[in-house]
Amino acid sequence: QLAEDFGIEEKIRPYELCQMRDVIVLKPKEVALDEARKGIGEAMALALDSCDKMRVKEGEAIEEDLLQRLGLIEAYLREVEKRAPLVVEEYQKRLKEKIDRMSQEIEIDDARMVQEVVFFADRCDITEEIVRARSHFEQFHHYLSVDDAVGRRLDFLLQEIHREVNTMSAKSTDASISGKTVEIKAELEKIREQVQNVE
């Protein structure tokens, strides 16, 4: 009114009205406590259901990844198992060739050569480690099919498998076996990272 009386052009913007005290008064809506509880309960149930569905979906994806990686590791282990006996045969052949070259100059005891081959075969034998690793893999597969919290058990099995693979690697004098154990360890590390997400 004052602006009109004095000929002042005045435009009031809506946000200015909102800033004026007592121009707009918000009255709280009364909500019945039971109604509020019901609404909150329904919202919580919906959120928890959605969370459960998401966890199941994530769990299925993790399980699929774990099974794929386990399959790859088991294939590497089969290759190691096939290669292991050949390592001893190749060592025996190299030793014999070396002895044949040396025997022209000196006399070599055949019993001593056999003893060396047996010693080498015993030192690089990884049969026990392969058997134990296979057993751990079977347990790992079993725990993946159980409807229970198995994260810690899987983590423990991974440590045991890693120990067996380290022993195989330490015993091996063969580049092919050493290479496969490196591949196995890399996959085990990826599995370990995934298992950290499993209850």
N, C-alpha and C. Protein backbone atom coordinates (compact mmCIF):
# COMPACT_ATOMS: atom_id res chain seq x y z
N GLN A 1 0.83 -1.18 0.00
CA GLN A 1 0.00 0.00 0.00
C GLN A 1 0.88 1.25 0.00
N LEU A 2 1.91 1.26 0.83
CA LEU A 2 2.80 2.42 0.90
C LEU A 2 3.45 2.68 -0.45
N ALA A 3 3.87 1.63 -1.10
CA ALA A 3 4.51 1.78 -2.41
C ALA A 3 3.55 2.42 -3.39
N GLU A 4 2.28 2.05 -3.31
CA GLU A 4 1.27 2.62 -4.21
C GLU A 4 1.02 4.09 -3.88
N ASP A 5 0.90 4.40 -2.58
CA ASP A 5 0.63 5.78 -2.15
C ASP A 5 1.74 6.73 -2.58
N PHE A 6 2.97 6.27 -2.53
CA PHE A 6 4.09 7.16 -2.86
C PHE A 6 4.60 6.97 -4.29
N GLY A 7 3.93 6.14 -5.06
CA GLY A 7 4.31 5.94 -6.45
C GLY A 7 5.61 5.18 -6.64
N ILE A 8 5.91 4.32 -5.71
CA ILE A 8 7.14 3.52 -5.80
C ILE A 8 6.78 2.17 -6.43
N GLU A 9 7.53 1.84 -7.45
CA GLU A 9 7.28 0.53 -8.07
C GLU A 9 8.00 -0.53 -7.25
N GLU A 10 7.26 -1.42 -6.70
CA GLU A 10 7.82 -2.43 -5.80
C GLU A 10 7.29 -3.80 -6.20
N LYS A 11 8.21 -4.70 -6.38
CA LYS A 11 7.81 -6.08 -6.66
C LYS A 11 8.37 -6.95 -5.55
N ILE A 12 7.52 -7.65 -4.91
CA ILE A 12 7.95 -8.54 -3.82
C ILE A 12 8.06 -9.95 -4.40
N ARG A 13 9.22 -10.51 -4.16
CA ARG A 13 9.47 -11.87 -4.66
C ARG A 13 9.04 -12.89 -3.59
N PRO A 14 8.63 -14.07 -4.03
CA PRO A 14 8.11 -15.06 -3.09
C PRO A 14 9.09 -15.41 -1.96
N TYR A 15 10.38 -15.51 -2.28
CA TYR A 15 11.32 -15.89 -1.21
C TYR A 15 11.41 -14.81 -0.14
N GLU A 16 11.16 -13.53 -0.54
CA GLU A 16 11.17 -12.46 0.45
C GLU A 16 9.98 -12.59 1.39
N LEU A 17 8.86 -13.02 0.85
CA LEU A 17 7.69 -13.24 1.70
C LEU A 17 7.97 -14.34 2.72
N CYS A 18 8.65 -15.36 2.27
CA CYS A 18 8.96 -16.48 3.17
C CYS A 18 9.89 -16.06 4.30
N GLN A 19 10.71 -15.06 4.05
CA GLN A 19 11.66 -14.62 5.07
C GLN A 19 11.00 -13.73 6.13
N MET A 20 9.84 -13.20 5.82
CA MET A 20 9.15 -12.33 6.79
C MET A 20 8.49 -13.19 7.86
N ARG A 21 8.69 -12.77 9.05
CA ARG A 21 8.19 -13.50 10.19
C ARG A 21 6.66 -13.48 10.23
N ASP A 22 6.10 -14.59 10.54
CA ASP A 22 4.65 -14.77 10.71
C ASP A 22 3.83 -14.59 9.43
N VAL A 23 4.49 -14.44 8.28
CA VAL A 23 3.73 -14.36 7.03
C VAL A 23 3.26 -15.76 6.64
N ILE A 24 4.20 -16.69 6.71
CA ILE A 24 3.84 -18.08 6.46
C ILE A 24 4.12 -18.86 7.73
N VAL A 25 3.12 -19.53 8.21
CA VAL A 25 3.24 -20.30 9.43
C VAL A 25 2.94 -21.76 9.10
N LEU A 26 3.89 -22.61 9.44
CA LEU A 26 3.70 -24.04 9.22
C LEU A 26 3.07 -24.65 10.46
N LYS A 27 1.98 -25.33 10.24
CA LYS A 27 1.33 -26.01 11.36
C LYS A 27 1.69 -27.49 11.28
N PRO A 28 2.29 -28.02 12.32
CA PRO A 28 2.63 -29.44 12.29
C PRO A 28 1.37 -30.30 12.20
N LYS A 29 1.47 -31.30 11.34
CA LYS A 29 0.34 -32.21 11.19
C LYS A 29 0.44 -33.26 12.27
N GLU A 30 -0.63 -33.45 12.93
CA GLU A 30 -0.63 -34.46 13.98
C GLU A 30 -0.81 -35.83 13.35
N VAL A 31 0.10 -36.71 13.70
CA VAL A 31 0.05 -38.07 13.17
C VAL A 31 -0.10 -39.01 14.36
N ALA A 32 -0.99 -39.92 14.21
CA ALA A 32 -1.19 -40.89 15.29
C ALA A 32 0.06 -41.76 15.40
N LEU A 33 0.48 -42.04 16.61
CA LEU A 33 1.69 -42.81 16.86
C LEU A 33 1.62 -44.20 16.23
N ASP A 34 0.47 -44.83 16.31
CA ASP A 34 0.31 -46.16 15.70
C ASP A 34 0.47 -46.10 14.19
N GLU A 35 -0.07 -45.04 13.60
CA GLU A 35 0.04 -44.87 12.14
C GLU A 35 1.49 -44.66 11.74
N ALA A 36 2.21 -43.86 12.53
CA ALA A 36 3.63 -43.61 12.26
C ALA A 36 4.44 -44.90 12.38
N ARG A 37 4.16 -45.67 13.43
CA ARG A 37 4.87 -46.94 13.62
C ARG A 37 4.64 -47.88 12.44
N LYS A 38 3.40 -47.93 12.00
CA LYS A 38 3.05 -48.80 10.89
C LYS A 38 3.81 -48.38 9.62
N GLY A 39 3.83 -47.08 9.35
CA GLY A 39 4.53 -46.57 8.17
C GLY A 39 6.02 -46.83 8.23
N ILE A 40 6.60 -46.59 9.40
CA ILE A 40 8.04 -46.83 9.58
C ILE A 40 8.34 -48.33 9.47
N GLY A 41 7.49 -49.15 10.07
CA GLY A 41 7.67 -50.60 10.01
C GLY A 41 7.62 -51.12 8.58
N GLU A 42 6.65 -50.61 7.80
CA GLU A 42 6.54 -51.04 6.40
C GLU A 42 7.77 -50.60 5.59
N ALA A 43 8.23 -49.37 5.85
CA ALA A 43 9.41 -48.87 5.14
C ALA A 43 10.65 -49.69 5.50
N MET A 44 10.79 -50.02 6.78
CA MET A 44 11.93 -50.84 7.23
C MET A 44 11.88 -52.24 6.62
N ALA A 45 10.69 -52.84 6.61
CA ALA A 45 10.54 -54.18 6.04
C ALA A 45 10.90 -54.18 4.56
N LEU A 46 10.46 -53.15 3.85
CA LEU A 46 10.76 -53.03 2.42
C LEU A 46 12.27 -52.87 2.20
N ALA A 47 12.89 -52.01 3.03
CA ALA A 47 14.33 -51.78 2.90
C ALA A 47 15.13 -53.05 3.21
N LEU A 48 14.73 -53.77 4.27
CA LEU A 48 15.43 -55.01 4.64
C LEU A 48 15.25 -56.09 3.57
N ASP A 49 14.04 -56.18 3.02
CA ASP A 49 13.79 -57.15 1.95
C ASP A 49 14.65 -56.85 0.73
N SER A 50 14.72 -55.57 0.40
CA SER A 50 15.54 -55.14 -0.74
C SER A 50 17.02 -55.45 -0.48
N CYS A 51 17.45 -55.21 0.74
CA CYS A 51 18.85 -55.49 1.13
C CYS A 51 19.14 -56.99 1.04
N ASP A 52 18.20 -57.82 1.53
CA ASP A 52 18.38 -59.27 1.46
C ASP A 52 18.48 -59.75 0.02
N LYS A 53 17.62 -59.23 -0.85
CA LYS A 53 17.65 -59.62 -2.27
C LYS A 53 18.98 -59.24 -2.90
N MET A 54 19.47 -58.05 -2.55
CA MET A 54 20.75 -57.58 -3.08
C MET A 54 21.89 -58.48 -2.60
N ARG A 55 21.85 -58.87 -1.32
CA ARG A 55 22.90 -59.73 -0.76
C ARG A 55 22.88 -61.11 -1.42
N VAL A 56 21.68 -61.64 -1.68
CA VAL A 56 21.57 -62.94 -2.34
C VAL A 56 22.15 -62.86 -3.74
N LYS A 57 21.80 -61.79 -4.45
CA LYS A 57 22.31 -61.61 -5.82
C LYS A 57 23.83 -61.48 -5.81
N GLU A 58 24.36 -60.69 -4.88
CA GLU A 58 25.81 -60.52 -4.77
C GLU A 58 26.48 -61.84 -4.40
N GLY A 59 25.85 -62.59 -3.48
CA GLY A 59 26.38 -63.89 -3.08
C GLY A 59 26.45 -64.86 -4.24
N GLU A 60 25.42 -64.86 -5.08
CA GLU A 60 25.41 -65.74 -6.25
C GLU A 60 26.53 -65.37 -7.22
N ALA A 61 26.75 -64.07 -7.39
CA ALA A 61 27.82 -63.61 -8.29
C ALA A 61 29.19 -64.01 -7.73
N ILE A 62 29.37 -63.86 -6.42
CA ILE A 62 30.64 -64.24 -5.79
C ILE A 62 30.86 -65.75 -5.91
N GLU A 63 29.80 -66.52 -5.66
CA GLU A 63 29.92 -67.98 -5.76
C GLU A 63 30.32 -68.39 -7.18
N GLU A 64 29.69 -67.79 -8.17
CA GLU A 64 30.03 -68.10 -9.57
C GLU A 64 31.50 -67.79 -9.86
N ASP A 65 31.97 -66.64 -9.37
CA ASP A 65 33.36 -66.25 -9.58
C ASP A 65 34.30 -67.23 -8.87
N LEU A 66 33.97 -67.60 -7.63
CA LEU A 66 34.81 -68.53 -6.88
C LEU A 66 34.89 -69.89 -7.57
N LEU A 67 33.75 -70.39 -8.05
CA LEU A 67 33.74 -71.69 -8.73
C LEU A 67 34.57 -71.66 -10.01
N GLN A 68 34.48 -70.55 -10.72
CA GLN A 68 35.26 -70.41 -11.96
C GLN A 68 36.75 -70.42 -11.65
N ARG A 69 37.15 -69.67 -10.63
CA ARG A 69 38.56 -69.61 -10.26
C ARG A 69 39.06 -70.95 -9.69
N LEU A 70 38.21 -71.61 -8.91
CA LEU A 70 38.59 -72.93 -8.39
C LEU A 70 38.81 -73.91 -9.54
N GLY A 71 37.94 -73.85 -10.54
CA GLY A 71 38.10 -74.72 -11.71
C GLY A 71 39.42 -74.48 -12.41
N LEU A 72 39.79 -73.22 -12.52
CA LEU A 72 41.06 -72.86 -13.16
C LEU A 72 42.24 -73.39 -12.34
N ILE A 73 42.18 -73.22 -11.03
CA ILE A 73 43.26 -73.71 -10.16
C ILE A 73 43.36 -75.23 -10.24
N GLU A 74 42.22 -75.90 -10.23
CA GLU A 74 42.24 -77.36 -10.29
C GLU A 74 42.82 -77.84 -11.62
N ALA A 75 42.57 -77.10 -12.70
CA ALA A 75 43.18 -77.45 -14.00
C ALA A 75 44.69 -77.28 -13.94
N TYR A 76 45.16 -76.19 -13.32
CA TYR A 76 46.61 -75.99 -13.15
C TYR A 76 47.21 -77.13 -12.32
N LEU A 77 46.49 -77.53 -11.27
CA LEU A 77 46.98 -78.59 -10.39
C LEU A 77 47.09 -79.92 -11.15
N ARG A 78 46.12 -80.20 -12.03
CA ARG A 78 46.21 -81.42 -12.86
C ARG A 78 47.45 -81.38 -13.76
N GLU A 79 47.76 -80.20 -14.30
CA GLU A 79 48.95 -80.06 -15.14
C GLU A 79 50.22 -80.31 -14.33
N VAL A 80 50.25 -79.78 -13.11
CA VAL A 80 51.40 -80.00 -12.21
C VAL A 80 51.53 -81.50 -11.92
N GLU A 81 50.40 -82.14 -11.65
CA GLU A 81 50.40 -83.56 -11.31
C GLU A 81 50.91 -84.40 -12.49
N LYS A 82 50.54 -84.04 -13.71
CA LYS A 82 51.03 -84.76 -14.90
C LYS A 82 52.53 -84.54 -15.10
N ARG A 83 52.97 -83.33 -14.82
CA ARG A 83 54.36 -82.96 -15.09
C ARG A 83 55.33 -83.54 -14.06
N ALA A 84 54.89 -83.69 -12.82
CA ALA A 84 55.79 -84.08 -11.72
C ALA A 84 56.59 -85.36 -12.00
N PRO A 85 55.99 -86.46 -12.46
CA PRO A 85 56.81 -87.66 -12.70
C PRO A 85 57.83 -87.48 -13.83
N LEU A 86 57.50 -86.64 -14.78
CA LEU A 86 58.42 -86.40 -15.90
C LEU A 86 59.69 -85.69 -15.45
N VAL A 87 59.57 -84.89 -14.39
CA VAL A 87 60.72 -84.16 -13.88
C VAL A 87 61.80 -85.13 -13.43
N VAL A 88 61.40 -86.19 -12.72
CA VAL A 88 62.36 -87.19 -12.24
C VAL A 88 62.97 -87.94 -13.42
N GLU A 89 62.13 -88.31 -14.40
CA GLU A 89 62.65 -89.01 -15.58
C GLU A 89 63.67 -88.15 -16.33
N GLU A 90 63.34 -86.87 -16.48
CA GLU A 90 64.26 -85.97 -17.19
C GLU A 90 65.56 -85.78 -16.41
N TYR A 91 65.46 -85.71 -15.09
CA TYR A 91 66.66 -85.59 -14.26
C TYR A 91 67.53 -86.84 -14.42
N GLN A 92 66.90 -87.99 -14.38
CA GLN A 92 67.64 -89.25 -14.52
C GLN A 92 68.34 -89.29 -15.88
N LYS A 93 67.65 -88.85 -16.92
CA LYS A 93 68.23 -88.85 -18.26
C LYS A 93 69.43 -87.90 -18.33
N ARG A 94 69.27 -86.68 -17.77
CA ARG A 94 70.38 -85.72 -17.78
C ARG A 94 71.57 -86.24 -16.97
N LEU A 95 71.28 -86.85 -15.83
CA LEU A 95 72.33 -87.40 -14.99
C LEU A 95 73.08 -88.51 -15.72
N LYS A 96 72.33 -89.37 -16.39
CA LYS A 96 72.95 -90.47 -17.14
C LYS A 96 73.84 -89.93 -18.26
N GLU A 97 73.36 -88.92 -18.98
CA GLU A 97 74.16 -88.32 -20.06
C GLU A 97 75.45 -87.71 -19.49
N LYS A 98 75.31 -87.05 -18.36
CA LYS A 98 76.48 -86.43 -17.73
C LYS A 98 77.48 -87.51 -17.29
N ILE A 99 76.95 -88.58 -16.72
CA ILE A 99 77.81 -89.67 -16.26
C ILE A 99 78.48 -90.36 -17.44
N ASP A 100 77.71 -90.55 -18.52
CA ASP A 100 78.30 -91.18 -19.72
C ASP A 100 79.48 -90.36 -20.24
N ARG A 101 79.33 -89.04 -20.22
CA ARG A 101 80.44 -88.19 -20.68
C ARG A 101 81.63 -88.31 -19.73
N MET A 102 81.33 -88.36 -18.44
CA MET A 102 82.41 -88.42 -17.45
C MET A 102 83.03 -89.82 -17.36
N SER A 103 82.24 -90.84 -17.68
CA SER A 103 82.72 -92.21 -17.49
C SER A 103 83.86 -92.57 -18.44
N GLN A 104 84.02 -91.78 -19.46
CA GLN A 104 85.15 -92.03 -20.36
C GLN A 104 86.46 -91.74 -19.63
N GLU A 105 86.38 -90.84 -18.66
CA GLU A 105 87.59 -90.46 -17.93
C GLU A 105 87.72 -91.21 -16.60
N ILE A 106 86.58 -91.42 -15.93
CA ILE A 106 86.62 -92.10 -14.64
C ILE A 106 85.52 -93.16 -14.57
N GLU A 107 85.66 -94.06 -13.63
CA GLU A 107 84.66 -95.12 -13.47
C GLU A 107 83.57 -94.64 -12.51
N ILE A 108 82.30 -94.81 -12.93
CA ILE A 108 81.15 -94.36 -12.12
C ILE A 108 80.41 -95.58 -11.60
N ASP A 109 80.06 -95.53 -10.34
CA ASP A 109 79.32 -96.61 -9.69
C ASP A 109 77.83 -96.47 -10.03
N ASP A 110 77.25 -97.51 -10.67
CA ASP A 110 75.83 -97.48 -11.04
C ASP A 110 74.93 -97.36 -9.82
N ALA A 111 75.31 -98.00 -8.74
CA ALA A 111 74.51 -97.94 -7.51
C ALA A 111 74.45 -96.50 -6.99
N ARG A 112 75.56 -95.80 -7.12
CA ARG A 112 75.60 -94.39 -6.67
C ARG A 112 74.66 -93.53 -7.53
N MET A 113 74.61 -93.83 -8.84
CA MET A 113 73.73 -93.08 -9.72
C MET A 113 72.26 -93.31 -9.35
N VAL A 114 71.92 -94.55 -9.09
CA VAL A 114 70.55 -94.88 -8.69
C VAL A 114 70.21 -94.18 -7.38
N GLN A 115 71.16 -94.16 -6.47
CA GLN A 115 70.96 -93.50 -5.18
C GLN A 115 70.69 -92.00 -5.38
N GLU A 116 71.42 -91.36 -6.27
CA GLU A 116 71.23 -89.93 -6.57
C GLU A 116 69.83 -89.67 -7.13
N VAL A 117 69.40 -90.53 -8.04
CA VAL A 117 68.07 -90.37 -8.65
C VAL A 117 66.98 -90.53 -7.59
N VAL A 118 67.14 -91.53 -6.73
CA VAL A 118 66.15 -91.76 -5.66
C VAL A 118 66.12 -90.56 -4.72
N PHE A 119 67.29 -90.06 -4.37
CA PHE A 119 67.37 -88.89 -3.49
C PHE A 119 66.67 -87.69 -4.13
N PHE A 120 66.94 -87.45 -5.41
CA PHE A 120 66.31 -86.34 -6.13
C PHE A 120 64.80 -86.52 -6.19
N ALA A 121 64.36 -87.74 -6.51
CA ALA A 121 62.93 -88.02 -6.62
C ALA A 121 62.23 -87.77 -5.29
N ASP A 122 62.87 -88.18 -4.21
CA ASP A 122 62.29 -87.98 -2.88
C ASP A 122 62.22 -86.49 -2.53
N ARG A 123 63.29 -85.78 -2.86
CA ARG A 123 63.38 -84.35 -2.52
C ARG A 123 62.33 -83.52 -3.27
N CYS A 124 62.02 -83.90 -4.50
CA CYS A 124 61.09 -83.08 -5.29
C CYS A 124 59.70 -83.71 -5.41
N ASP A 125 59.44 -84.77 -4.63
CA ASP A 125 58.12 -85.43 -4.67
C ASP A 125 57.06 -84.51 -4.05
N ILE A 126 56.04 -84.20 -4.83
CA ILE A 126 54.98 -83.30 -4.35
C ILE A 126 53.62 -84.01 -4.29
N THR A 127 53.65 -85.33 -4.27
CA THR A 127 52.41 -86.11 -4.24
C THR A 127 51.56 -85.77 -3.02
N GLU A 128 52.18 -85.74 -1.84
CA GLU A 128 51.43 -85.44 -0.61
C GLU A 128 50.77 -84.07 -0.68
N GLU A 129 51.50 -83.09 -1.17
CA GLU A 129 50.97 -81.73 -1.26
C GLU A 129 49.77 -81.67 -2.22
N ILE A 130 49.88 -82.40 -3.32
CA ILE A 130 48.77 -82.43 -4.30
C ILE A 130 47.54 -83.08 -3.67
N VAL A 131 47.73 -84.19 -2.97
CA VAL A 131 46.61 -84.89 -2.32
C VAL A 131 45.94 -83.99 -1.29
N ARG A 132 46.74 -83.32 -0.46
CA ARG A 132 46.16 -82.43 0.56
C ARG A 132 45.45 -81.24 -0.09
N ALA A 133 46.03 -80.68 -1.14
CA ALA A 133 45.39 -79.55 -1.83
C ALA A 133 44.05 -79.99 -2.40
N ARG A 134 44.00 -81.18 -3.01
CA ARG A 134 42.73 -81.70 -3.55
C ARG A 134 41.68 -81.84 -2.44
N SER A 135 42.11 -82.34 -1.30
CA SER A 135 41.20 -82.50 -0.16
C SER A 135 40.65 -81.14 0.27
N HIS A 136 41.51 -80.13 0.31
CA HIS A 136 41.06 -78.79 0.69
C HIS A 136 40.08 -78.23 -0.35
N PHE A 137 40.33 -78.52 -1.63
CA PHE A 137 39.41 -78.05 -2.67
C PHE A 137 38.03 -78.70 -2.51
N GLU A 138 38.01 -80.00 -2.18
CA GLU A 138 36.73 -80.68 -1.95
C GLU A 138 35.98 -80.03 -0.80
N GLN A 139 36.69 -79.72 0.28
CA GLN A 139 36.06 -79.05 1.42
C GLN A 139 35.55 -77.67 1.02
N PHE A 140 36.32 -76.97 0.22
CA PHE A 140 35.93 -75.63 -0.24
C PHE A 140 34.62 -75.71 -1.02
N HIS A 141 34.55 -76.67 -1.95
CA HIS A 141 33.31 -76.87 -2.72
C HIS A 141 32.14 -77.19 -1.79
N HIS A 142 32.39 -78.04 -0.80
CA HIS A 142 31.34 -78.40 0.16
C HIS A 142 30.82 -77.16 0.89
N TYR A 143 31.72 -76.34 1.39
CA TYR A 143 31.30 -75.15 2.14
C TYR A 143 30.54 -74.15 1.27
N LEU A 144 30.85 -74.12 -0.01
CA LEU A 144 30.11 -73.22 -0.90
C LEU A 144 28.66 -73.65 -1.06
N SER A 145 28.38 -74.93 -0.84
CA SER A 145 27.01 -75.43 -1.00
C SER A 145 26.22 -75.42 0.31
N VAL A 146 26.86 -75.03 1.41
CA VAL A 146 26.21 -75.03 2.72
C VAL A 146 25.49 -73.70 2.95
N ASP A 147 24.30 -73.78 3.53
CA ASP A 147 23.54 -72.57 3.88
C ASP A 147 23.90 -72.14 5.29
N ASP A 148 25.09 -71.61 5.44
CA ASP A 148 25.58 -71.22 6.76
C ASP A 148 26.68 -70.18 6.56
N ALA A 149 27.08 -69.54 7.64
CA ALA A 149 28.19 -68.58 7.57
C ALA A 149 29.49 -69.38 7.45
N VAL A 150 30.17 -69.27 6.31
CA VAL A 150 31.35 -70.10 6.05
C VAL A 150 32.59 -69.28 5.70
N GLY A 151 32.50 -67.97 5.77
CA GLY A 151 33.61 -67.11 5.36
C GLY A 151 34.93 -67.44 6.03
N ARG A 152 34.90 -67.63 7.34
CA ARG A 152 36.15 -67.92 8.07
C ARG A 152 36.71 -69.30 7.71
N ARG A 153 35.81 -70.25 7.50
CA ARG A 153 36.26 -71.59 7.11
C ARG A 153 36.93 -71.55 5.74
N LEU A 154 36.32 -70.81 4.82
CA LEU A 154 36.90 -70.69 3.48
C LEU A 154 38.26 -70.01 3.55
N ASP A 155 38.36 -68.99 4.37
CA ASP A 155 39.62 -68.27 4.53
C ASP A 155 40.70 -69.22 5.08
N PHE A 156 40.34 -70.04 6.05
CA PHE A 156 41.28 -71.01 6.62
C PHE A 156 41.74 -72.00 5.55
N LEU A 157 40.78 -72.53 4.77
CA LEU A 157 41.14 -73.48 3.71
C LEU A 157 42.08 -72.85 2.69
N LEU A 158 41.85 -71.58 2.37
CA LEU A 158 42.73 -70.89 1.43
C LEU A 158 44.15 -70.81 1.96
N GLN A 159 44.27 -70.57 3.26
CA GLN A 159 45.61 -70.53 3.87
C GLN A 159 46.29 -71.90 3.74
N GLU A 160 45.52 -72.96 3.98
CA GLU A 160 46.08 -74.31 3.88
C GLU A 160 46.48 -74.64 2.44
N ILE A 161 45.63 -74.28 1.49
CA ILE A 161 45.95 -74.53 0.08
C ILE A 161 47.21 -73.75 -0.31
N HIS A 162 47.28 -72.51 0.14
CA HIS A 162 48.44 -71.66 -0.16
C HIS A 162 49.72 -72.30 0.39
N ARG A 163 49.62 -72.85 1.59
CA ARG A 163 50.78 -73.51 2.20
C ARG A 163 51.23 -74.71 1.35
N GLU A 164 50.28 -75.51 0.88
CA GLU A 164 50.62 -76.67 0.05
C GLU A 164 51.27 -76.23 -1.26
N VAL A 165 50.72 -75.18 -1.87
CA VAL A 165 51.27 -74.69 -3.14
C VAL A 165 52.67 -74.11 -2.93
N ASN A 166 52.88 -73.42 -1.82
CA ASN A 166 54.23 -72.91 -1.52
C ASN A 166 55.23 -74.05 -1.39
N THR A 167 54.81 -75.14 -0.74
CA THR A 167 55.70 -76.29 -0.58
C THR A 167 56.01 -76.91 -1.94
N MET A 168 54.98 -77.04 -2.80
CA MET A 168 55.21 -77.56 -4.16
C MET A 168 56.24 -76.71 -4.88
N SER A 169 56.06 -75.41 -4.77
CA SER A 169 56.96 -74.46 -5.45
C SER A 169 58.39 -74.60 -4.92
N ALA A 170 58.52 -74.73 -3.60
CA ALA A 170 59.85 -74.84 -3.00
C ALA A 170 60.55 -76.15 -3.39
N LYS A 171 59.78 -77.21 -3.53
CA LYS A 171 60.37 -78.51 -3.88
C LYS A 171 60.71 -78.61 -5.36
N SER A 172 60.03 -77.83 -6.17
CA SER A 172 60.17 -77.98 -7.62
C SER A 172 61.46 -77.39 -8.15
N THR A 173 62.06 -78.13 -9.07
CA THR A 173 63.22 -77.61 -9.80
C THR A 173 62.85 -77.40 -11.26
N ASP A 174 61.56 -77.57 -11.55
CA ASP A 174 61.07 -77.52 -12.92
C ASP A 174 60.39 -76.18 -13.20
N ALA A 175 60.77 -75.54 -14.29
CA ALA A 175 60.22 -74.22 -14.63
C ALA A 175 58.72 -74.28 -14.89
N SER A 176 58.26 -75.34 -15.52
CA SER A 176 56.83 -75.48 -15.83
C SER A 176 56.00 -75.57 -14.55
N ILE A 177 56.44 -76.41 -13.62
CA ILE A 177 55.72 -76.55 -12.35
C ILE A 177 55.78 -75.24 -11.57
N SER A 178 56.94 -74.61 -11.54
CA SER A 178 57.06 -73.32 -10.84
C SER A 178 56.12 -72.29 -11.44
N GLY A 179 56.02 -72.27 -12.76
CA GLY A 179 55.12 -71.33 -13.43
C GLY A 179 53.67 -71.58 -13.05
N LYS A 180 53.28 -72.85 -13.00
CA LYS A 180 51.89 -73.18 -12.63
C LYS A 180 51.61 -72.81 -11.18
N THR A 181 52.59 -73.01 -10.30
CA THR A 181 52.35 -72.65 -8.90
C THR A 181 52.19 -71.14 -8.75
N VAL A 182 52.89 -70.37 -9.56
CA VAL A 182 52.72 -68.91 -9.54
C VAL A 182 51.30 -68.55 -9.99
N GLU A 183 50.81 -69.21 -11.05
CA GLU A 183 49.44 -68.98 -11.53
C GLU A 183 48.42 -69.35 -10.45
N ILE A 184 48.65 -70.47 -9.80
CA ILE A 184 47.74 -70.91 -8.74
C ILE A 184 47.70 -69.88 -7.62
N LYS A 185 48.88 -69.39 -7.21
CA LYS A 185 48.93 -68.41 -6.12
C LYS A 185 48.20 -67.12 -6.49
N ALA A 186 48.33 -66.71 -7.75
CA ALA A 186 47.64 -65.49 -8.21
C ALA A 186 46.13 -65.67 -8.11
N GLU A 187 45.64 -66.83 -8.52
CA GLU A 187 44.19 -67.09 -8.44
C GLU A 187 43.74 -67.22 -6.99
N LEU A 188 44.57 -67.84 -6.15
CA LEU A 188 44.23 -67.96 -4.73
C LEU A 188 44.08 -66.58 -4.09
N GLU A 189 44.93 -65.65 -4.48
CA GLU A 189 44.85 -64.29 -3.94
C GLU A 189 43.53 -63.63 -4.35
N LYS A 190 43.12 -63.83 -5.60
CA LYS A 190 41.84 -63.27 -6.06
C LYS A 190 40.67 -63.90 -5.31
N ILE A 191 40.77 -65.21 -5.06
CA ILE A 191 39.72 -65.89 -4.29
C ILE A 191 39.70 -65.35 -2.87
N ARG A 192 40.88 -65.16 -2.28
CA ARG A 192 40.94 -64.65 -0.90
C ARG A 192 40.26 -63.29 -0.79
N GLU A 193 40.46 -62.43 -1.79
CA GLU A 193 39.82 -61.11 -1.78
C GLU A 193 38.30 -61.26 -1.83
N GLN A 194 37.81 -62.20 -2.63
CA GLN A 194 36.36 -62.41 -2.72
C GLN A 194 35.81 -63.00 -1.42
N VAL A 195 36.57 -63.90 -0.80
CA VAL A 195 36.10 -64.55 0.43
C VAL A 195 35.94 -63.53 1.56
N GLN A 196 36.67 -62.43 1.49
CA GLN A 196 36.52 -61.38 2.51
C GLN A 196 35.10 -60.81 2.50
N ASN A 197 34.36 -60.99 1.39
CA ASN A 197 32.99 -60.50 1.28
C ASN A 197 31.96 -61.56 1.65
N VAL A 198 32.42 -62.72 2.11
CA VAL A 198 31.51 -63.82 2.46
C VAL A 198 31.40 -63.90 3.97
N GLU A 199 30.16 -64.03 4.45
CA GLU A 199 29.94 -64.18 5.90
C GLU A 199 30.38 -65.54 6.37
